[in-house]
PDB file of N, CA and C in Angstrom:
ATOM      1  N   UNK A   1      -5.389   5.777   4.885  1.00  0.00           N
ATOM      2  CA  UNK A   1      -6.448   6.648   4.415  1.00  0.00           C
ATOM      3  C   UNK A   1      -7.740   6.145   4.999  1.00  0.00           C
ATOM      4  N   UNK A   2      -8.571   7.047   5.489  1.00  0.00           N
ATOM      5  CA  UNK A   2      -9.835   6.598   6.056  1.00  0.00           C
ATOM      6  C   UNK A   2     -10.996   7.419   5.532  1.00  0.00           C
ATOM      7  N   UNK A   3     -12.164   6.810   5.610  1.00  0.00           N
ATOM      8  CA  UNK A   3     -13.405   7.434   5.206  1.00  0.00           C
ATOM      9  C   UNK A   3     -14.330   7.360   6.414  1.00  0.00           C
ATOM     10  N   UNK A   4     -14.617   8.500   7.012  1.00  0.00           N
ATOM     11  CA  UNK A   4     -15.443   8.539   8.227  1.00  0.00           C
ATOM     12  C   UNK A   4     -14.884   7.631   9.319  1.00  0.00           C
ATOM     13  N   UNK A   5     -13.573   7.732   9.525  1.00  0.00           N
ATOM     14  CA  UNK A   5     -12.850   6.951  10.540  1.00  0.00           C
ATOM     15  C   UNK A   5     -12.842   5.445  10.293  1.00  0.00           C
ATOM     16  N   UNK A   6     -13.146   5.029   9.081  1.00  0.00           N
ATOM     17  CA  UNK A   6     -13.042   3.621   8.695  1.00  0.00           C
ATOM     18  C   UNK A   6     -11.869   3.491   7.739  1.00  0.00           C
ATOM     19  N   UNK A   7     -10.833   2.688   8.080  1.00  0.00           N
ATOM     20  CA  UNK A   7      -9.692   2.543   7.173  1.00  0.00           C
ATOM     21  C   UNK A   7     -10.125   1.869   5.868  1.00  0.00           C
ATOM     22  N   UNK A   8      -9.818   2.521   4.754  1.00  0.00           N
ATOM     23  CA  UNK A   8     -10.181   1.963   3.446  1.00  0.00           C
ATOM     24  C   UNK A   8      -8.970   1.696   2.569  1.00  0.00           C
ATOM     25  N   UNK A   9      -7.824   2.282   2.900  1.00  0.00           N
ATOM     26  CA  UNK A   9      -6.595   2.060   2.135  1.00  0.00           C
ATOM     27  C   UNK A   9      -5.403   2.226   3.067  1.00  0.00           C
ATOM     28  N   UNK A  10      -4.329   1.508   2.747  1.00  0.00           N
ATOM     29  CA  UNK A  10      -3.140   1.586   3.590  1.00  0.00           C
ATOM     30  C   UNK A  10      -1.902   1.262   2.778  1.00  0.00           C
ATOM     31  N   UNK A  11      -0.784   1.655   3.319  1.00  0.00           N
ATOM     32  CA  UNK A  11       0.516   1.198   2.849  1.00  0.00           C
ATOM     33  C   UNK A  11       1.486   1.361   3.997  1.00  0.00           C
ATOM     34  N   UNK A  12       2.467   0.510   4.029  1.00  0.00           N
ATOM     35  CA  UNK A  12       3.521   0.587   5.029  1.00  0.00           C
ATOM     36  C   UNK A  12       4.804   0.983   4.325  1.00  0.00           C
ATOM     37  N   UNK A  13       5.649   1.737   5.008  1.00  0.00           N
ATOM     38  CA  UNK A  13       6.971   2.068   4.476  1.00  0.00           C
ATOM     39  C   UNK A  13       7.988   1.434   5.406  1.00  0.00           C
ATOM     40  N   UNK A  14       8.718   0.475   4.871  1.00  0.00           N
ATOM     41  CA  UNK A  14       9.714  -0.245   5.651  1.00  0.00           C
ATOM     42  C   UNK A  14      11.085   0.333   5.327  1.00  0.00           C
ATOM     43  N   UNK A  15      11.782   0.865   6.327  1.00  0.00           N
ATOM     44  CA  UNK A  15      13.126   1.389   6.087  1.00  0.00           C
ATOM     45  C   UNK A  15      14.065   0.249   5.689  1.00  0.00           C
ATOM     46  N   UNK A  16      14.821   0.470   4.642  1.00  0.00           N
ATOM     47  CA  UNK A  16      15.778  -0.535   4.183  1.00  0.00           C
ATOM     48  C   UNK A  16      16.943   0.164   3.503  1.00  0.00           C
ATOM     49  N   UNK A  17      17.832  -0.616   2.945  1.00  0.00           N
ATOM     50  CA  UNK A  17      18.996  -0.067   2.250  1.00  0.00           C
ATOM     51  C   UNK A  17      19.185  -0.766   0.919  1.00  0.00           C
ATOM     52  N   UNK A  18      19.718  -0.033  -0.029  1.00  0.00           N
ATOM     53  CA  UNK A  18      20.112  -0.584  -1.322  1.00  0.00           C
ATOM     54  C   UNK A  18      21.613  -0.361  -1.432  1.00  0.00           C
ATOM     55  N   UNK A  19      22.348  -1.416  -1.667  1.00  0.00           N
ATOM     56  CA  UNK A  19      23.799  -1.298  -1.835  1.00  0.00           C
ATOM     57  C   UNK A  19      24.114  -1.517  -3.312  1.00  0.00           C
ATOM     58  N   UNK A  20      24.727  -0.529  -3.909  1.00  0.00           N
ATOM     59  CA  UNK A  20      25.104  -0.592  -5.317  1.00  0.00           C
ATOM     60  C   UNK A  20      26.513  -0.048  -5.456  1.00  0.00           C
ATOM     61  N   UNK A  21      27.372  -0.853  -6.043  1.00  0.00           N
ATOM     62  CA  UNK A  21      28.787  -0.485  -6.212  1.00  0.00           C
ATOM     63  C   UNK A  21      29.395  -0.047  -4.888  1.00  0.00           C
ATOM     64  N   UNK A  22      29.125  -0.812  -3.849  1.00  0.00           N
ATOM     65  CA  UNK A  22      29.649  -0.589  -2.504  1.00  0.00           C
ATOM     66  C   UNK A  22      29.193   0.714  -1.857  1.00  0.00           C
ATOM     67  N   UNK A  23      28.137   1.297  -2.380  1.00  0.00           N
ATOM     68  CA  UNK A  23      27.572   2.500  -1.772  1.00  0.00           C
ATOM     69  C   UNK A  23      26.204   2.140  -1.216  1.00  0.00           C
ATOM     70  N   UNK A  24      26.005   2.450   0.057  1.00  0.00           N
ATOM     71  CA  UNK A  24      24.751   2.133   0.733  1.00  0.00           C
ATOM     72  C   UNK A  24      23.822   3.345   0.654  1.00  0.00           C
ATOM     73  N   UNK A  25      22.646   3.143   0.105  1.00  0.00           N
ATOM     74  CA  UNK A  25      21.641   4.196  -0.011  1.00  0.00           C
ATOM     75  C   UNK A  25      20.402   3.803   0.785  1.00  0.00           C
ATOM     76  N   UNK A  26      19.787   4.766   1.425  1.00  0.00           N
ATOM     77  CA  UNK A  26      18.566   4.476   2.173  1.00  0.00           C
ATOM     78  C   UNK A  26      17.400   4.305   1.207  1.00  0.00           C
ATOM     79  N   UNK A  27      16.492   3.436   1.597  1.00  0.00           N
ATOM     80  CA  UNK A  27      15.353   3.132   0.731  1.00  0.00           C
ATOM     81  C   UNK A  27      14.104   2.950   1.581  1.00  0.00           C
ATOM     82  N   UNK A  28      13.022   3.534   1.149  1.00  0.00           N
ATOM     83  CA  UNK A  28      11.723   3.286   1.758  1.00  0.00           C
ATOM     84  C   UNK A  28      11.006   2.267   0.897  1.00  0.00           C
ATOM     85  N   UNK A  29      10.790   1.078   1.440  1.00  0.00           N
ATOM     86  CA  UNK A  29      10.129   0.008   0.698  1.00  0.00           C
ATOM     87  C   UNK A  29       8.632   0.056   0.968  1.00  0.00           C
ATOM     88  N   UNK A  30       7.858   0.314  -0.062  1.00  0.00           N
ATOM     89  CA  UNK A  30       6.404   0.367   0.073  1.00  0.00           C
ATOM     90  C   UNK A  30       5.885  -1.061   0.111  1.00  0.00           C
ATOM     91  N   UNK A  31       5.179  -1.376   1.170  1.00  0.00           N
ATOM     92  CA  UNK A  31       4.733  -2.740   1.413  1.00  0.00           C
ATOM     93  C   UNK A  31       3.245  -2.737   1.754  1.00  0.00           C
ATOM     94  N   UNK A  32       2.557  -3.754   1.303  1.00  0.00           N
ATOM     95  CA  UNK A  32       1.138  -3.951   1.616  1.00  0.00           C
ATOM     96  C   UNK A  32       0.283  -2.753   1.199  1.00  0.00           C
ATOM     97  N   UNK A  33       0.499  -2.273  -0.018  1.00  0.00           N
ATOM     98  CA  UNK A  33      -0.346  -1.207  -0.564  1.00  0.00           C
ATOM     99  C   UNK A  33      -1.693  -1.842  -0.904  1.00  0.00           C
ATOM    100  N   UNK A  34      -2.749  -1.416  -0.241  1.00  0.00           N
ATOM    101  CA  UNK A  34      -4.046  -2.064  -0.438  1.00  0.00           C
ATOM    102  C   UNK A  34      -5.193  -1.088  -0.237  1.00  0.00           C
ATOM    103  N   UNK A  35      -6.242  -1.294  -1.006  1.00  0.00           N
ATOM    104  CA  UNK A  35      -7.472  -0.516  -0.898  1.00  0.00           C
ATOM    105  C   UNK A  35      -8.646  -1.496  -0.894  1.00  0.00           C
ATOM    106  N   UNK A  36      -9.613  -1.256  -0.048  1.00  0.00           N
ATOM    107  CA  UNK A  36     -10.803  -2.103  -0.053  1.00  0.00           C
ATOM    108  C   UNK A  36     -11.446  -2.072  -1.445  1.00  0.00           C
ATOM    109  N   UNK A  37     -11.916  -3.207  -1.930  1.00  0.00           N
ATOM    110  CA  UNK A  37     -12.456  -3.276  -3.296  1.00  0.00           C
ATOM    111  C   UNK A  37     -13.509  -2.213  -3.618  1.00  0.00           C
ATOM    112  N   UNK A  38     -14.392  -1.927  -2.713  1.00  0.00           N
ATOM    113  CA  UNK A  38     -15.453  -0.963  -3.006  1.00  0.00           C
ATOM    114  C   UNK A  38     -14.960   0.479  -3.084  1.00  0.00           C
ATOM    115  N   UNK A  39     -13.711   0.730  -2.705  1.00  0.00           N
ATOM    116  CA  UNK A  39     -13.144   2.079  -2.772  1.00  0.00           C
ATOM    117  C   UNK A  39     -12.106   2.233  -3.879  1.00  0.00           C
ATOM    118  N   UNK A  40     -11.869   1.181  -4.649  1.00  0.00           N
ATOM    119  CA  UNK A  40     -10.877   1.238  -5.720  1.00  0.00           C
ATOM    120  C   UNK A  40     -11.378   2.102  -6.876  1.00  0.00           C
ATOM    121  N   UNK A  41     -10.427   2.527  -7.718  1.00  0.00           N
ATOM    122  CA  UNK A  41     -10.704   3.362  -8.904  1.00  0.00           C
ATOM    123  C   UNK A  41     -11.193   4.758  -8.537  1.00  0.00           C
ATOM    124  N   UNK A  42     -10.836   5.218  -7.347  1.00  0.00           N
ATOM    125  CA  UNK A  42     -11.179   6.576  -6.915  1.00  0.00           C
ATOM    126  C   UNK A  42      -9.941   7.435  -6.684  1.00  0.00           C
ATOM    127  N   UNK A  43      -8.756   6.907  -7.008  1.00  0.00           N
ATOM    128  CA  UNK A  43      -7.524   7.677  -6.843  1.00  0.00           C
ATOM    129  C   UNK A  43      -6.973   7.691  -5.430  1.00  0.00           C
ATOM    130  N   UNK A  44      -7.531   6.886  -4.549  1.00  0.00           N
ATOM    131  CA  UNK A  44      -7.092   6.904  -3.153  1.00  0.00           C
ATOM    132  C   UNK A  44      -5.648   6.445  -3.017  1.00  0.00           C
ATOM    133  N   UNK A  45      -5.283   5.322  -3.654  1.00  0.00           N
ATOM    134  CA  UNK A  45      -3.909   4.830  -3.539  1.00  0.00           C
ATOM    135  C   UNK A  45      -2.929   5.800  -4.183  1.00  0.00           C
ATOM    136  N   UNK A  46      -3.303   6.397  -5.274  1.00  0.00           N
ATOM    137  CA  UNK A  46      -2.443   7.403  -5.914  1.00  0.00           C
ATOM    138  C   UNK A  46      -2.162   8.529  -4.934  1.00  0.00           C
ATOM    139  N   UNK A  47      -3.191   9.027  -4.281  1.00  0.00           N
ATOM    140  CA  UNK A  47      -3.021  10.082  -3.273  1.00  0.00           C
ATOM    141  C   UNK A  47      -2.118   9.625  -2.133  1.00  0.00           C
ATOM    142  N   UNK A  48      -2.355   8.422  -1.676  1.00  0.00           N
ATOM    143  CA  UNK A  48      -1.600   7.886  -0.543  1.00  0.00           C
ATOM    144  C   UNK A  48      -0.124   7.733  -0.886  1.00  0.00           C
ATOM    145  N   UNK A  49       0.178   7.205  -2.056  1.00  0.00           N
ATOM    146  CA  UNK A  49       1.577   7.033  -2.467  1.00  0.00           C
ATOM    147  C   UNK A  49       2.256   8.390  -2.620  1.00  0.00           C
ATOM    148  N   UNK A  50       1.600   9.324  -3.263  1.00  0.00           N
ATOM    149  CA  UNK A  50       2.201  10.651  -3.444  1.00  0.00           C
ATOM    150  C   UNK A  50       2.418  11.345  -2.098  1.00  0.00           C
ATOM    151  N   UNK A  51       1.472  11.193  -1.177  1.00  0.00           N
ATOM    152  CA  UNK A  51       1.634  11.762   0.158  1.00  0.00           C
ATOM    153  C   UNK A  51       2.814  11.109   0.872  1.00  0.00           C
ATOM    154  N   UNK A  52       2.913   9.786   0.784  1.00  0.00           N
ATOM    155  CA  UNK A  52       3.993   9.065   1.460  1.00  0.00           C
ATOM    156  C   UNK A  52       5.352   9.499   0.920  1.00  0.00           C
ATOM    157  N   UNK A  53       5.475   9.639  -0.382  1.00  0.00           N
ATOM    158  CA  UNK A  53       6.744  10.073  -0.974  1.00  0.00           C
ATOM    159  C   UNK A  53       7.085  11.490  -0.511  1.00  0.00           C
ATOM    160  N   UNK A  54       6.132  12.388  -0.569  1.00  0.00           N
ATOM    161  CA  UNK A  54       6.390  13.769  -0.149  1.00  0.00           C
ATOM    162  C   UNK A  54       6.760  13.839   1.332  1.00  0.00           C
ATOM    163  N   UNK A  55       6.081  13.056   2.146  1.00  0.00           N
ATOM    164  CA  UNK A  55       6.331  13.072   3.582  1.00  0.00           C
ATOM    165  C   UNK A  55       7.694  12.490   3.944  1.00  0.00           C
ATOM    166  N   UNK A  56       8.177  11.553   3.161  1.00  0.00           N
ATOM    167  CA  UNK A  56       9.432  10.854   3.488  1.00  0.00           C
ATOM    168  C   UNK A  56      10.603  11.223   2.575  1.00  0.00           C
ATOM    169  N   UNK A  57      10.399  12.179   1.709  1.00  0.00           N
ATOM    170  CA  UNK A  57      11.439  12.516   0.729  1.00  0.00           C
ATOM    171  C   UNK A  57      12.795  12.826   1.380  1.00  0.00           C
ATOM    172  N   UNK A  58      12.793  13.452   2.535  1.00  0.00           N
ATOM    173  CA  UNK A  58      14.046  13.807   3.202  1.00  0.00           C
ATOM    174  C   UNK A  58      14.661  12.636   3.973  1.00  0.00           C
ATOM    175  N   UNK A  59      13.920  11.555   4.136  1.00  0.00           N
ATOM    176  CA  UNK A  59      14.409  10.411   4.909  1.00  0.00           C
ATOM    177  C   UNK A  59      15.098   9.349   4.062  1.00  0.00           C
ATOM    178  N   UNK A  60      14.734   9.257   2.783  1.00  0.00           N
ATOM    179  CA  UNK A  60      15.226   8.168   1.933  1.00  0.00           C
ATOM    180  C   UNK A  60      15.813   8.687   0.632  1.00  0.00           C
ATOM    181  N   UNK A  61      16.831   7.969   0.159  1.00  0.00           N
ATOM    182  CA  UNK A  61      17.395   8.285  -1.156  1.00  0.00           C
ATOM    183  C   UNK A  61      16.505   7.740  -2.271  1.00  0.00           C
ATOM    184  N   UNK A  62      15.861   6.591  -2.005  1.00  0.00           N
ATOM    185  CA  UNK A  62      15.040   5.908  -3.002  1.00  0.00           C
ATOM    186  C   UNK A  62      13.779   5.354  -2.352  1.00  0.00           C
ATOM    187  N   UNK A  63      12.807   5.053  -3.191  1.00  0.00           N
ATOM    188  CA  UNK A  63      11.619   4.313  -2.791  1.00  0.00           C
ATOM    189  C   UNK A  63      11.500   3.123  -3.716  1.00  0.00           C
ATOM    190  N   UNK A  64      10.979   2.018  -3.199  1.00  0.00           N
ATOM    191  CA  UNK A  64      10.790   0.844  -4.046  1.00  0.00           C
ATOM    192  C   UNK A  64       9.525   0.109  -3.636  1.00  0.00           C
ATOM    193  N   UNK A  65       9.045  -0.705  -4.558  1.00  0.00           N
ATOM    194  CA  UNK A  65       7.929  -1.586  -4.262  1.00  0.00           C
ATOM    195  C   UNK A  65       7.964  -2.735  -5.258  1.00  0.00           C
ATOM    196  N   UNK A  66       7.344  -3.825  -4.867  1.00  0.00           N
ATOM    197  CA  UNK A  66       7.221  -4.983  -5.745  1.00  0.00           C
ATOM    198  C   UNK A  66       5.729  -5.219  -5.918  1.00  0.00           C
ATOM    199  N   UNK A  67       5.191  -4.944  -7.115  1.00  0.00           N
ATOM    200  CA  UNK A  67       3.763  -5.149  -7.330  1.00  0.00           C
ATOM    201  C   UNK A  67       3.360  -6.610  -7.100  1.00  0.00           C
ATOM    202  N   UNK A  68       2.153  -6.793  -6.587  1.00  0.00           N
ATOM    203  CA  UNK A  68       1.650  -8.132  -6.280  1.00  0.00           C
ATOM    204  C   UNK A  68       1.450  -8.982  -7.534  1.00  0.00           C
ATOM    205  N   UNK A  69       1.181  -8.330  -8.659  1.00  0.00           N
ATOM    206  CA  UNK A  69       1.058  -9.069  -9.912  1.00  0.00           C
ATOM    207  C   UNK A  69       1.474  -8.166 -11.068  1.00  0.00           C
ATOM    208  N   UNK A  70       1.664  -8.775 -12.221  1.00  0.00           N
ATOM    209  CA  UNK A  70       2.196  -8.047 -13.371  1.00  0.00           C
ATOM    210  C   UNK A  70       1.275  -6.915 -13.834  1.00  0.00           C
ATOM    211  N   UNK A  71      -0.011  -7.068 -13.648  1.00  0.00           N
ATOM    212  CA  UNK A  71      -0.959  -6.028 -14.057  1.00  0.00           C
ATOM    213  C   UNK A  71      -0.758  -4.717 -13.310  1.00  0.00           C
ATOM    214  N   UNK A  72      -0.180  -4.781 -12.123  1.00  0.00           N
ATOM    215  CA  UNK A  72       0.011  -3.573 -11.322  1.00  0.00           C
ATOM    216  C   UNK A  72       1.233  -2.754 -11.723  1.00  0.00           C
ATOM    217  N   UNK A  73       2.140  -3.296 -12.531  1.00  0.00           N
ATOM    218  CA  UNK A  73       3.318  -2.537 -12.952  1.00  0.00           C
ATOM    219  C   UNK A  73       2.906  -1.238 -13.641  1.00  0.00           C
ATOM    220  N   UNK A  74       1.998  -1.311 -14.594  1.00  0.00           N
ATOM    221  CA  UNK A  74       1.567  -0.102 -15.303  1.00  0.00           C
ATOM    222  C   UNK A  74       0.816   0.849 -14.388  1.00  0.00           C
ATOM    223  N   UNK A  75       0.055   0.313 -13.439  1.00  0.00           N
ATOM    224  CA  UNK A  75      -0.668   1.156 -12.488  1.00  0.00           C
ATOM    225  C   UNK A  75       0.314   2.005 -11.681  1.00  0.00           C
ATOM    226  N   UNK A  76       1.339   1.365 -11.093  1.00  0.00           N
ATOM    227  CA  UNK A  76       2.302   2.109 -10.284  1.00  0.00           C
ATOM    228  C   UNK A  76       3.159   3.024 -11.149  1.00  0.00           C
ATOM    229  N   UNK A  77       3.490   2.589 -12.334  1.00  0.00           N
ATOM    230  CA  UNK A  77       4.278   3.422 -13.253  1.00  0.00           C
ATOM    231  C   UNK A  77       3.524   4.720 -13.561  1.00  0.00           C
ATOM    232  N   UNK A  78       2.230   4.606 -13.798  1.00  0.00           N
ATOM    233  CA  UNK A  78       1.387   5.781 -14.073  1.00  0.00           C
ATOM    234  C   UNK A  78       1.383   6.748 -12.884  1.00  0.00           C
ATOM    235  N   UNK A  79       1.268   6.210 -11.692  1.00  0.00           N
ATOM    236  CA  UNK A  79       1.264   7.060 -10.493  1.00  0.00           C
ATOM    237  C   UNK A  79       2.592   7.790 -10.355  1.00  0.00           C
ATOM    238  N   UNK A  80       3.689   7.076 -10.514  1.00  0.00           N
ATOM    239  CA  UNK A  80       5.011   7.663 -10.285  1.00  0.00           C
ATOM    240  C   UNK A  80       5.430   8.630 -11.402  1.00  0.00           C
ATOM    241  N   UNK A  81       4.818   8.533 -12.563  1.00  0.00           N
ATOM    242  CA  UNK A  81       5.154   9.445 -13.664  1.00  0.00           C
ATOM    243  C   UNK A  81       4.299  10.695 -13.689  1.00  0.00           C
ATOM    244  N   UNK A  82       3.294  10.782 -12.829  1.00  0.00           N
ATOM    245  CA  UNK A  82       2.448  11.987 -12.772  1.00  0.00           C
ATOM    246  C   UNK A  82       3.024  13.019 -11.854  1.00  0.00           C
TER     247      UNK A  82
END
């Protein structure tokens, strides 16, 4: 995501697989989700995650991420439940 051609937020989607009960499922692993501090609390990451999921929905069976700290669990949960 950029503001006047200056990158202010990003995330990477790393193709991976989840194997459960001997069944291999494709997974898009969200990695390095970050927003510059001065641009936080504006919904940018929420927009970016929702765009990434919509754009890749046909490529992956699942999406996953590991929050950098425990405080972010509720943040990501809120985004994914909207």
